[in-house]
Amino acid sequence: MTIARWVPHNRNSGPVRAQVMAHRGASAAERENTTVAFTRARELNSDAVELDVRLCASGEMIVHHNPTLANGKVLATLNIADIPDHIPTLADALDACAGMWVNIEIKNFKFTVLGQVKAPGIHTVSTDRLTILEAIGKAGDLQITGLRNNVLVVREMNGQRIEYRLDLTNKSIYNSPAFYICQNDVIYVEPNFTANFQGTNFQTYTQLGTTLVSIFLSVFTLITLTK
């Protein structure tokens, strides 16, 4: 669908033509979100194109509106070799949109959660908006050994890595730039005192000492009873 309208600039200069944006390319004339639709939009003198981008399983950005194909297969679970030919990569789509500005709507993205969560690893979501709380929920929530007041979010911007520290127990997280997760963010939940204690030699020695004391008491009781 292509949208255009005329708007008045001011009373003296007369009407001024607004920019034309081709929604998913020239979708009224061609199959939407295809290089053919984008090329057709340029031929129709569109100023801009709106398109939808999704991440497939092998990491490539592909252009498609729905999360599934017509046969029900989920795009996020398919490698690029399994993607139908009519679905272009973002790079191919941008080449077809040369000369027009492009509005990209991100439909899904991936992030990584590590540390003291129940399901650490890389997660992909079919949405363009996800909070830190929802991201941790996708990872199965924090373990009891997770530190809740110092969660680390690592984000890459303009070739640089930026670190954010979030206190999940404080409402100040709502104002943090890392409250909403971005593409390829890495979330790390540090271990709390309990987890650190469980991993120390002190705990091992304590358990050993308790065992020895228990054995000593058992022997002492046995000797006492045999007298």
Protein backbone atom coordinates (compact mmCIF):
# COMPACT_ATOMS: atom_id res chain seq x y z
CA MET A 1 0.00 0.00 0.00
CA THR A 2 1.34 3.42 -0.94
CA ILE A 3 0.18 6.50 0.90
CA ALA A 4 0.44 10.09 -0.29
CA ARG A 5 -1.35 13.31 0.55
CA TRP A 6 -1.13 17.02 -0.04
CA VAL A 7 -0.71 19.38 2.89
CA PRO A 8 -0.72 23.20 2.97
CA HIS A 9 2.64 24.79 3.74
CA ASN A 10 1.21 28.25 4.35
CA ARG A 11 -1.45 30.40 2.79
CA ASN A 12 0.96 32.25 0.54
CA SER A 13 3.05 29.39 -0.85
CA GLY A 14 0.17 27.05 -1.66
CA PRO A 15 0.05 23.25 -1.26
CA VAL A 16 3.25 21.27 -0.80
CA ARG A 17 3.49 17.60 -1.69
CA ALA A 18 4.22 15.40 1.31
CA GLN A 19 6.73 12.60 1.00
CA VAL A 20 5.38 9.28 -0.22
CA MET A 21 6.13 6.12 1.77
CA ALA A 22 5.54 2.72 0.19
CA HIS A 23 4.31 0.40 2.93
CA ARG A 24 6.25 -2.87 2.55
CA GLY A 25 7.14 -1.66 -0.93
CA ALA A 26 4.58 -1.18 -3.68
CA SER A 27 2.46 -3.85 -2.00
CA ALA A 28 -0.68 -3.04 -3.99
CA ALA A 29 1.12 -3.93 -7.21
CA GLU A 30 3.66 -6.57 -6.11
CA ARG A 31 4.19 -9.13 -3.37
CA GLU A 32 4.91 -7.19 -0.17
CA ASN A 33 8.36 -7.02 1.40
CA THR A 34 10.14 -8.32 -1.70
CA THR A 35 12.87 -6.74 -3.80
CA VAL A 36 10.38 -6.57 -6.67
CA ALA A 37 7.99 -4.51 -4.50
CA PHE A 38 10.82 -2.19 -3.40
CA THR A 39 12.06 -1.69 -6.96
CA ARG A 40 8.50 -1.02 -8.12
CA ALA A 41 8.09 1.58 -5.37
CA ARG A 42 11.11 3.45 -6.70
CA GLU A 43 9.72 3.27 -10.25
CA LEU A 44 6.52 4.84 -8.91
CA ASN A 45 8.61 7.73 -7.52
CA SER A 46 8.12 6.86 -3.86
CA ASP A 47 10.27 8.86 -1.47
CA ALA A 48 10.54 6.14 1.19
CA VAL A 49 9.86 2.50 1.98
CA GLU A 50 8.68 0.85 5.18
CA LEU A 51 9.77 -2.76 5.68
CA ASP A 52 9.78 -5.41 8.40
CA VAL A 53 12.92 -7.19 9.56
CA ARG A 54 13.30 -10.47 11.43
CA LEU A 55 16.24 -12.50 12.66
CA CYS A 56 16.50 -16.07 11.37
CA ALA A 57 18.16 -18.92 13.26
CA SER A 58 21.55 -18.57 11.54
CA GLY A 59 21.76 -14.87 12.44
CA GLU A 60 20.87 -13.13 9.18
CA MET A 61 18.35 -10.29 9.05
CA ILE A 62 15.53 -11.12 6.66
CA VAL A 63 12.58 -9.05 5.46
CA HIS A 64 9.18 -10.52 6.35
CA HIS A 65 6.17 -9.24 8.28
CA ASN A 66 4.73 -12.38 9.87
CA PRO A 67 6.68 -14.62 12.28
CA THR A 68 5.72 -17.71 10.26
CA LEU A 69 5.59 -18.84 6.65
CA ALA A 70 2.36 -19.87 4.95
CA ASN A 71 3.13 -23.49 5.84
CA GLY A 72 3.36 -22.63 9.54
CA LYS A 73 7.15 -22.85 9.88
CA VAL A 74 8.60 -20.27 12.29
CA LEU A 75 11.18 -18.05 10.60
CA ALA A 76 13.21 -17.65 13.80
CA THR A 77 13.89 -21.42 13.75
CA LEU A 78 15.06 -21.58 10.11
CA ASN A 79 18.58 -21.12 8.78
CA ILE A 80 19.14 -18.76 5.87
CA ALA A 81 19.47 -21.73 3.48
CA ASP A 82 15.91 -22.77 4.37
CA ILE A 83 14.36 -19.34 3.76
CA PRO A 84 12.23 -19.15 0.57
CA ASP A 85 13.81 -17.27 -2.33
CA HIS A 86 11.19 -14.53 -2.39
CA ILE A 87 12.18 -13.39 1.13
CA PRO A 88 15.18 -11.06 0.81
CA THR A 89 17.92 -10.36 3.31
CA LEU A 90 18.05 -6.84 4.72
CA ALA A 91 21.15 -6.12 2.64
CA ASP A 92 19.39 -7.10 -0.59
CA ALA A 93 16.31 -5.11 0.38
CA LEU A 94 18.36 -1.98 1.04
CA ASP A 95 20.06 -2.37 -2.34
CA ALA A 96 16.60 -2.49 -3.97
CA CYS A 97 15.62 0.65 -2.03
CA ALA A 98 18.56 2.70 -3.29
CA GLY A 99 17.61 6.35 -3.69
CA MET A 100 14.80 6.18 -1.11
CA TRP A 101 14.99 6.51 2.65
CA VAL A 102 13.95 3.41 4.57
CA ASN A 103 11.92 2.97 7.74
CA ILE A 104 12.87 -0.41 9.28
CA GLU A 105 10.52 -2.06 11.75
CA ILE A 106 12.35 -4.70 13.78
CA LYS A 107 10.02 -7.61 14.47
CA ASN A 108 12.28 -9.81 16.59
CA PHE A 109 15.77 -9.87 18.05
CA LYS A 110 18.11 -11.96 20.15
CA PHE A 111 19.81 -11.41 23.50
CA THR A 112 21.94 -13.47 25.86
CA VAL A 113 21.39 -14.13 29.56
CA LEU A 114 24.23 -15.59 31.63
CA GLY A 115 24.95 -16.30 35.27
CA GLN A 116 22.51 -17.14 38.04
CA VAL A 117 19.37 -17.81 35.98
CA LYS A 118 17.52 -21.06 35.44
CA ALA A 119 17.90 -21.16 31.64
CA PRO A 120 21.06 -19.30 30.59
CA GLY A 121 21.83 -18.93 26.89
CA ILE A 122 20.82 -17.07 23.74
CA HIS A 123 17.13 -16.21 23.45
CA THR A 124 15.16 -14.94 20.45
CA VAL A 125 11.86 -13.10 20.81
CA SER A 126 9.25 -12.21 18.19
CA THR A 127 8.71 -8.68 19.36
CA ASP A 128 10.33 -5.29 18.95
CA ARG A 129 10.01 -4.33 22.61
CA LEU A 130 11.24 -6.27 25.66
CA THR A 131 12.10 -5.14 29.18
CA ILE A 132 14.93 -6.41 31.36
CA LEU A 133 12.35 -8.09 33.60
CA GLU A 134 10.75 -9.89 30.66
CA ALA A 135 14.17 -10.93 29.37
CA ILE A 136 15.08 -12.51 32.70
CA GLY A 137 11.65 -14.18 32.71
CA LYS A 138 12.49 -15.69 29.30
CA ALA A 139 15.59 -17.17 30.94
CA GLY A 140 13.48 -18.91 33.57
CA ASP A 141 13.83 -16.20 36.25
CA LEU A 142 16.68 -15.72 38.70
CA GLN A 143 17.94 -18.53 40.85
CA ILE A 144 17.89 -18.02 44.60
CA THR A 145 21.64 -17.52 44.33
CA GLY A 146 21.27 -14.58 41.90
CA LEU A 147 22.25 -11.05 42.93
CA ARG A 148 19.20 -8.89 42.26
CA ASN A 149 20.58 -5.43 42.93
CA ASN A 150 23.55 -5.40 40.54
CA VAL A 151 22.52 -7.00 37.23
CA LEU A 152 24.94 -6.23 34.41
CA VAL A 153 23.77 -5.35 30.89
CA VAL A 154 26.44 -5.10 28.18
CA ARG A 155 25.41 -3.28 25.01
CA GLU A 156 27.37 -2.55 21.85
CA MET A 157 26.76 0.88 20.33
CA ASN A 158 28.74 2.43 17.48
CA GLY A 159 31.53 -0.10 17.90
CA GLN A 160 31.86 0.45 21.65
CA ARG A 161 30.68 -1.70 24.57
CA ILE A 162 28.66 0.10 27.21
CA GLU A 163 27.92 -1.40 30.62
CA TYR A 164 24.82 -0.70 32.70
CA ARG A 165 24.17 -1.83 36.27
CA LEU A 166 20.55 -2.37 37.27
CA ASP A 167 18.95 -2.86 40.68
CA LEU A 168 15.88 -5.00 40.04
CA THR A 169 14.54 -4.16 43.48
CA ASN A 170 14.52 -0.42 42.84
CA LYS A 171 12.05 1.49 40.67
CA SER A 172 14.96 3.51 39.28
CA ILE A 173 15.38 0.76 36.65
CA TYR A 174 12.42 2.25 34.76
CA ASN A 175 14.60 5.27 33.92
CA SER A 176 17.64 3.28 32.83
CA PRO A 177 18.58 3.15 29.13
CA ALA A 178 18.95 -0.62 29.64
CA PHE A 179 15.40 -1.16 30.93
CA TYR A 180 14.39 -2.01 27.36
CA ILE A 181 16.62 -4.68 25.84
CA CYS A 182 18.28 -4.09 22.46
CA GLN A 183 19.59 -6.39 19.77
CA ASN A 184 22.52 -8.57 20.98
CA ASP A 185 22.45 -7.29 24.58
CA VAL A 186 24.20 -9.53 27.10
CA ILE A 187 22.67 -9.78 30.58
CA TYR A 188 24.78 -11.19 33.41
CA VAL A 189 23.36 -12.03 36.84
CA GLU A 190 26.14 -12.23 39.40
CA PRO A 191 26.12 -14.77 42.25
CA ASN A 192 25.11 -13.47 45.66
CA PHE A 193 26.80 -14.23 49.00
CA THR A 194 25.10 -17.60 49.27
CA ALA A 195 26.46 -18.77 45.92
CA ASN A 196 29.92 -17.44 46.71
CA PHE A 197 29.86 -19.15 50.10
CA GLN A 198 28.85 -22.45 48.52
CA GLY A 199 31.82 -22.27 46.21
CA THR A 200 34.51 -21.55 48.86
CA ASN A 201 36.93 -23.87 50.61
CA PHE A 202 35.53 -22.59 53.89
CA GLN A 203 32.29 -24.45 53.24
CA THR A 204 34.25 -27.62 52.40
CA TYR A 205 36.24 -27.39 55.62
CA THR A 206 33.07 -26.69 57.60
CA GLN A 207 31.36 -29.77 56.19
CA LEU A 208 34.46 -31.88 56.89
CA GLY A 209 34.64 -30.58 60.45
CA THR A 210 30.96 -31.33 61.02
CA THR A 211 31.47 -34.88 59.75
CA LEU A 212 34.47 -35.46 62.04
CA VAL A 213 32.60 -34.11 65.06
CA SER A 214 29.66 -36.39 64.24
CA ILE A 215 31.97 -39.41 64.00
CA PHE A 216 33.67 -38.48 67.29
CA LEU A 217 30.34 -38.18 69.10
CA SER A 218 29.20 -41.54 67.71
CA VAL A 219 32.40 -43.27 68.89
CA PHE A 220 32.21 -41.58 72.29
CA THR A 221 28.59 -42.69 72.71
CA LEU A 222 29.47 -46.26 71.72
CA ILE A 223 32.35 -46.41 74.22
CA THR A 224 30.15 -45.00 76.97
CA LEU A 225 27.45 -47.57 76.34
CA THR A 226 29.92 -50.51 76.45
CA LYS A 227 31.27 -49.61 79.89
